[in-house]
């Protein structure tokens, strides 16, 4: 039966696990209506369009 010879320190353990939890930036796509960058499958915050339809009325 395999048993660790020495206890692994918290710093060593956490260094090993550090790559697992890296956050990624959200993927951005251009809005076909106004050209602003927005997150995919969401209403454009600049013009209020989604899927070619006006969903949220924005004041100019």
PDB file of N, CA and C in Angstrom:
ATOM      1  N   UNK A   1       0.837  -1.178   0.000  1.00  0.00           N
ATOM      2  CA  UNK A   1       0.000   0.000   0.000  1.00  0.00           C
ATOM      3  C   UNK A   1       0.889   1.250   0.000  1.00  0.00           C
ATOM      4  N   UNK A   2       0.645   2.164  -0.945  1.00  0.00           N
ATOM      5  CA  UNK A   2       1.472   3.362  -1.073  1.00  0.00           C
ATOM      6  C   UNK A   2       1.051   4.411  -0.056  1.00  0.00           C
ATOM      7  N   UNK A   3       2.034   4.891   0.681  1.00  0.00           N
ATOM      8  CA  UNK A   3       1.796   5.911   1.696  1.00  0.00           C
ATOM      9  C   UNK A   3       2.825   7.015   1.489  1.00  0.00           C
ATOM     10  N   UNK A   4       2.415   8.297   1.505  1.00  0.00           N
ATOM     11  CA  UNK A   4       3.385   9.376   1.325  1.00  0.00           C
ATOM     12  C   UNK A   4       4.423   9.372   2.444  1.00  0.00           C
ATOM     13  N   UNK A   5       5.693   9.584   2.059  1.00  0.00           N
ATOM     14  CA  UNK A   5       6.776   9.571   3.044  1.00  0.00           C
ATOM     15  C   UNK A   5       6.711  10.808   3.944  1.00  0.00           C
ATOM     16  N   UNK A   6       6.417  11.984   3.326  1.00  0.00           N
ATOM     17  CA  UNK A   6       6.336  13.218   4.095  1.00  0.00           C
ATOM     18  C   UNK A   6       5.025  13.946   3.762  1.00  0.00           C
ATOM     19  N   UNK A   7       4.593  14.754   4.704  1.00  0.00           N
ATOM     20  CA  UNK A   7       3.389  15.549   4.497  1.00  0.00           C
ATOM     21  C   UNK A   7       3.679  16.650   3.473  1.00  0.00           C
ATOM     22  N   UNK A   8       2.735  16.886   2.573  1.00  0.00           N
ATOM     23  CA  UNK A   8       2.894  17.939   1.575  1.00  0.00           C
ATOM     24  C   UNK A   8       2.451  19.259   2.204  1.00  0.00           C
ATOM     25  N   UNK A   9       3.332  20.276   2.124  1.00  0.00           N
ATOM     26  CA  UNK A   9       3.014  21.565   2.738  1.00  0.00           C
ATOM     27  C   UNK A   9       1.860  22.243   2.001  1.00  0.00           C
ATOM     28  N   UNK A  10       1.207  23.188   2.675  1.00  0.00           N
ATOM     29  CA  UNK A  10       0.070  23.898   2.075  1.00  0.00           C
ATOM     30  C   UNK A  10       0.519  24.703   0.856  1.00  0.00           C
ATOM     31  N   UNK A  11       1.701  25.312   0.949  1.00  0.00           N
ATOM     32  CA  UNK A  11       2.206  26.116  -0.168  1.00  0.00           C
ATOM     33  C   UNK A  11       2.462  25.240  -1.392  1.00  0.00           C
ATOM     34  N   UNK A  12       3.062  24.092  -1.197  1.00  0.00           N
ATOM     35  CA  UNK A  12       3.360  23.176  -2.305  1.00  0.00           C
ATOM     36  C   UNK A  12       2.071  22.641  -2.916  1.00  0.00           C
ATOM     37  N   UNK A  13       1.113  22.280  -2.062  1.00  0.00           N
ATOM     38  CA  UNK A  13      -0.178  21.780  -2.522  1.00  0.00           C
ATOM     39  C   UNK A  13      -0.914  22.849  -3.334  1.00  0.00           C
ATOM     40  N   UNK A  14      -0.934  24.079  -2.811  1.00  0.00           N
ATOM     41  CA  UNK A  14      -1.661  25.152  -3.478  1.00  0.00           C
ATOM     42  C   UNK A  14      -0.993  25.582  -4.782  1.00  0.00           C
ATOM     43  N   UNK A  15       0.341  25.503  -4.840  1.00  0.00           N
ATOM     44  CA  UNK A  15       1.043  25.813  -6.088  1.00  0.00           C
ATOM     45  C   UNK A  15       0.659  24.821  -7.175  1.00  0.00           C
ATOM     46  N   UNK A  16       0.510  23.590  -6.805  1.00  0.00           N
ATOM     47  CA  UNK A  16       0.156  22.546  -7.760  1.00  0.00           C
ATOM     48  C   UNK A  16      -1.257  22.768  -8.308  1.00  0.00           C
ATOM     49  N   UNK A  17      -2.148  23.245  -7.460  1.00  0.00           N
ATOM     50  CA  UNK A  17      -3.548  23.429  -7.849  1.00  0.00           C
ATOM     51  C   UNK A  17      -3.833  24.778  -8.493  1.00  0.00           C
ATOM     52  N   UNK A  18      -2.870  25.666  -8.530  1.00  0.00           N
ATOM     53  CA  UNK A  18      -3.128  27.045  -8.956  1.00  0.00           C
ATOM     54  C   UNK A  18      -3.590  27.152 -10.403  1.00  0.00           C
ATOM     55  N   UNK A  19      -3.141  26.267 -11.289  1.00  0.00           N
ATOM     56  CA  UNK A  19      -3.513  26.381 -12.707  1.00  0.00           C
ATOM     57  C   UNK A  19      -4.943  25.961 -12.963  1.00  0.00           C
ATOM     58  N   UNK A  20      -5.544  25.234 -12.069  1.00  0.00           N
ATOM     59  CA  UNK A  20      -6.894  24.736 -12.282  1.00  0.00           C
ATOM     60  C   UNK A  20      -7.915  25.867 -12.222  1.00  0.00           C
ATOM     61  N   UNK A  21      -7.657  26.878 -11.412  1.00  0.00           N
ATOM     62  CA  UNK A  21      -8.675  27.892 -11.115  1.00  0.00           C
ATOM     63  C   UNK A  21      -8.507  29.193 -11.883  1.00  0.00           C
ATOM     64  N   UNK A  22      -7.710  29.218 -12.950  1.00  0.00           N
ATOM     65  CA  UNK A  22      -7.520  30.455 -13.696  1.00  0.00           C
ATOM     66  C   UNK A  22      -8.809  30.852 -14.393  1.00  0.00           C
ATOM     67  N   UNK A  23      -9.166  32.123 -14.295  1.00  0.00           N
ATOM     68  CA  UNK A  23     -10.371  32.616 -14.955  1.00  0.00           C
ATOM     69  C   UNK A  23     -10.032  33.039 -16.379  1.00  0.00           C
ATOM     70  N   UNK A  24     -10.973  32.869 -17.277  1.00  0.00           N
ATOM     71  CA  UNK A  24     -10.790  33.275 -18.657  1.00  0.00           C
ATOM     72  C   UNK A  24     -11.671  34.484 -18.938  1.00  0.00           C
ATOM     73  N   UNK A  25     -11.188  35.331 -19.816  1.00  0.00           N
ATOM     74  CA  UNK A  25     -11.980  36.490 -20.215  1.00  0.00           C
ATOM     75  C   UNK A  25     -13.149  36.020 -21.070  1.00  0.00           C
ATOM     76  N   UNK A  26     -14.305  36.659 -20.945  1.00  0.00           N
ATOM     77  CA  UNK A  26     -15.452  36.219 -21.750  1.00  0.00           C
ATOM     78  C   UNK A  26     -15.207  36.481 -23.234  1.00  0.00           C
ATOM     79  N   UNK A  27     -15.687  35.578 -24.074  1.00  0.00           N
ATOM     80  CA  UNK A  27     -15.545  35.742 -25.517  1.00  0.00           C
ATOM     81  C   UNK A  27     -16.474  36.854 -25.984  1.00  0.00           C
ATOM     82  N   UNK A  28     -15.951  37.763 -26.777  1.00  0.00           N
ATOM     83  CA  UNK A  28     -16.738  38.891 -27.259  1.00  0.00           C
ATOM     84  C   UNK A  28     -16.968  38.764 -28.760  1.00  0.00           C
ATOM     85  N   UNK A  29     -18.140  39.173 -29.203  1.00  0.00           N
ATOM     86  CA  UNK A  29     -18.477  39.185 -30.625  1.00  0.00           C
ATOM     87  C   UNK A  29     -18.977  40.584 -30.981  1.00  0.00           C
ATOM     88  N   UNK A  30     -18.851  40.939 -32.258  1.00  0.00           N
ATOM     89  CA  UNK A  30     -19.329  42.246 -32.705  1.00  0.00           C
ATOM     90  C   UNK A  30     -20.831  42.209 -32.903  1.00  0.00           C
ATOM     91  N   UNK A  31     -21.492  43.249 -32.469  1.00  0.00           N
ATOM     92  CA  UNK A  31     -22.937  43.384 -32.686  1.00  0.00           C
ATOM     93  C   UNK A  31     -23.148  43.701 -34.172  1.00  0.00           C
ATOM     94  N   UNK A  32     -23.992  42.930 -34.864  1.00  0.00           N
ATOM     95  CA  UNK A  32     -24.212  43.206 -36.288  1.00  0.00           C
ATOM     96  C   UNK A  32     -24.947  44.522 -36.534  1.00  0.00           C
ATOM     97  N   UNK A  33     -25.630  45.039 -35.522  1.00  0.00           N
ATOM     98  CA  UNK A  33     -26.414  46.267 -35.661  1.00  0.00           C
ATOM     99  C   UNK A  33     -25.531  47.510 -35.548  1.00  0.00           C
ATOM    100  N   UNK A  34     -24.758  47.601 -34.461  1.00  0.00           N
ATOM    101  CA  UNK A  34     -23.998  48.834 -34.196  1.00  0.00           C
ATOM    102  C   UNK A  34     -22.482  48.632 -34.239  1.00  0.00           C
ATOM    103  N   UNK A  35     -22.004  47.395 -34.211  1.00  0.00           N
ATOM    104  CA  UNK A  35     -20.567  47.142 -34.298  1.00  0.00           C
ATOM    105  C   UNK A  35     -19.847  47.117 -32.958  1.00  0.00           C
ATOM    106  N   UNK A  36     -20.575  47.370 -31.878  1.00  0.00           N
ATOM    107  CA  UNK A  36     -19.962  47.307 -30.544  1.00  0.00           C
ATOM    108  C   UNK A  36     -19.672  45.853 -30.173  1.00  0.00           C
ATOM    109  N   UNK A  37     -18.664  45.661 -29.315  1.00  0.00           N
ATOM    110  CA  UNK A  37     -18.389  44.313 -28.838  1.00  0.00           C
ATOM    111  C   UNK A  37     -19.325  43.981 -27.682  1.00  0.00           C
ATOM    112  N   UNK A  38     -19.869  42.763 -27.713  1.00  0.00           N
ATOM    113  CA  UNK A  38     -20.783  42.312 -26.667  1.00  0.00           C
ATOM    114  C   UNK A  38     -20.543  40.837 -26.428  1.00  0.00           C
ATOM    115  N   UNK A  39     -21.089  40.300 -25.346  1.00  0.00           N
ATOM    116  CA  UNK A  39     -20.991  38.870 -25.084  1.00  0.00           C
ATOM    117  C   UNK A  39     -22.001  38.134 -25.950  1.00  0.00           C
ATOM    118  N   UNK A  40     -21.641  36.930 -26.359  1.00  0.00           N
ATOM    119  CA  UNK A  40     -22.488  36.159 -27.261  1.00  0.00           C
ATOM    120  C   UNK A  40     -23.816  35.801 -26.591  1.00  0.00           C
ATOM    121  N   UNK A  41     -24.875  35.757 -27.371  1.00  0.00           N
ATOM    122  CA  UNK A  41     -26.216  35.352 -26.930  1.00  0.00           C
ATOM    123  C   UNK A  41     -26.782  36.266 -25.850  1.00  0.00           C
ATOM    124  N   UNK A  42     -26.451  37.556 -25.929  1.00  0.00           N
ATOM    125  CA  UNK A  42     -26.980  38.534 -24.983  1.00  0.00           C
ATOM    126  C   UNK A  42     -27.399  39.791 -25.741  1.00  0.00           C
ATOM    127  N   UNK A  43     -28.296  40.559 -25.159  1.00  0.00           N
ATOM    128  CA  UNK A  43     -28.741  41.806 -25.762  1.00  0.00           C
ATOM    129  C   UNK A  43     -27.577  42.788 -25.772  1.00  0.00           C
ATOM    130  N   UNK A  44     -27.427  43.510 -26.860  1.00  0.00           N
ATOM    131  CA  UNK A  44     -26.356  44.511 -26.967  1.00  0.00           C
ATOM    132  C   UNK A  44     -26.675  45.659 -26.018  1.00  0.00           C
ATOM    133  N   UNK A  45     -25.712  46.007 -25.195  1.00  0.00           N
ATOM    134  CA  UNK A  45     -25.940  47.083 -24.217  1.00  0.00           C
ATOM    135  C   UNK A  45     -25.902  48.450 -24.879  1.00  0.00           C
ATOM    136  N   UNK A  46     -25.323  48.559 -26.062  1.00  0.00           N
ATOM    137  CA  UNK A  46     -25.222  49.852 -26.735  1.00  0.00           C
ATOM    138  C   UNK A  46     -26.496  50.201 -27.502  1.00  0.00           C
ATOM    139  N   UNK A  47     -27.038  49.223 -28.261  1.00  0.00           N
ATOM    140  CA  UNK A  47     -28.188  49.541 -29.115  1.00  0.00           C
ATOM    141  C   UNK A  47     -29.479  48.846 -28.692  1.00  0.00           C
ATOM    142  N   UNK A  48     -29.387  47.786 -27.888  1.00  0.00           N
ATOM    143  CA  UNK A  48     -30.586  47.117 -27.403  1.00  0.00           C
ATOM    144  C   UNK A  48     -31.137  46.050 -28.334  1.00  0.00           C
ATOM    145  N   UNK A  49     -30.364  45.672 -29.358  1.00  0.00           N
ATOM    146  CA  UNK A  49     -30.823  44.649 -30.301  1.00  0.00           C
ATOM    147  C   UNK A  49     -30.331  43.266 -29.896  1.00  0.00           C
ATOM    148  N   UNK A  50     -31.145  42.262 -30.215  1.00  0.00           N
ATOM    149  CA  UNK A  50     -30.754  40.864 -30.049  1.00  0.00           C
ATOM    150  C   UNK A  50     -31.346  40.067 -31.191  1.00  0.00           C
ATOM    151  N   UNK A  51     -30.511  39.344 -31.897  1.00  0.00           N
ATOM    152  CA  UNK A  51     -30.941  38.482 -33.003  1.00  0.00           C
ATOM    153  C   UNK A  51     -31.698  39.279 -34.075  1.00  0.00           C
ATOM    154  N   UNK A  52     -31.253  40.514 -34.326  1.00  0.00           N
ATOM    155  CA  UNK A  52     -31.853  41.341 -35.370  1.00  0.00           C
ATOM    156  C   UNK A  52     -33.142  42.038 -34.976  1.00  0.00           C
ATOM    157  N   UNK A  53     -33.553  41.907 -33.725  1.00  0.00           N
ATOM    158  CA  UNK A  53     -34.797  42.524 -33.257  1.00  0.00           C
ATOM    159  C   UNK A  53     -34.517  43.469 -32.110  1.00  0.00           C
ATOM    160  N   UNK A  54     -35.259  44.571 -32.054  1.00  0.00           N
ATOM    161  CA  UNK A  54     -35.131  45.528 -30.958  1.00  0.00           C
ATOM    162  C   UNK A  54     -35.799  44.938 -29.719  1.00  0.00           C
ATOM    163  N   UNK A  55     -35.027  44.734 -28.671  1.00  0.00           N
ATOM    164  CA  UNK A  55     -35.556  44.120 -27.452  1.00  0.00           C
ATOM    165  C   UNK A  55     -35.675  45.164 -26.351  1.00  0.00           C
ATOM    166  N   UNK A  56     -34.638  45.991 -26.218  1.00  0.00           N
ATOM    167  CA  UNK A  56     -34.625  47.018 -25.183  1.00  0.00           C
ATOM    168  C   UNK A  56     -34.497  48.372 -25.888  1.00  0.00           C
ATOM    169  N   UNK A  57     -35.429  49.274 -25.607  1.00  0.00           N
ATOM    170  CA  UNK A  57     -35.375  50.587 -26.240  1.00  0.00           C
ATOM    171  C   UNK A  57     -34.314  51.440 -25.552  1.00  0.00           C
ATOM    172  N   UNK A  58     -33.370  51.950 -26.354  1.00  0.00           N
ATOM    173  CA  UNK A  58     -32.295  52.794 -25.831  1.00  0.00           C
ATOM    174  C   UNK A  58     -32.519  54.230 -26.279  1.00  0.00           C
ATOM    175  N   UNK A  59     -32.284  55.203 -25.386  1.00  0.00           N
ATOM    176  CA  UNK A  59     -32.387  56.607 -25.742  1.00  0.00           C
ATOM    177  C   UNK A  59     -31.078  57.045 -26.379  1.00  0.00           C
ATOM    178  N   UNK A  60     -31.186  57.800 -27.474  1.00  0.00           N
ATOM    179  CA  UNK A  60     -29.985  58.232 -28.212  1.00  0.00           C
ATOM    180  C   UNK A  60     -29.309  59.407 -27.533  1.00  0.00           C
TER     181      UNK A  60
END
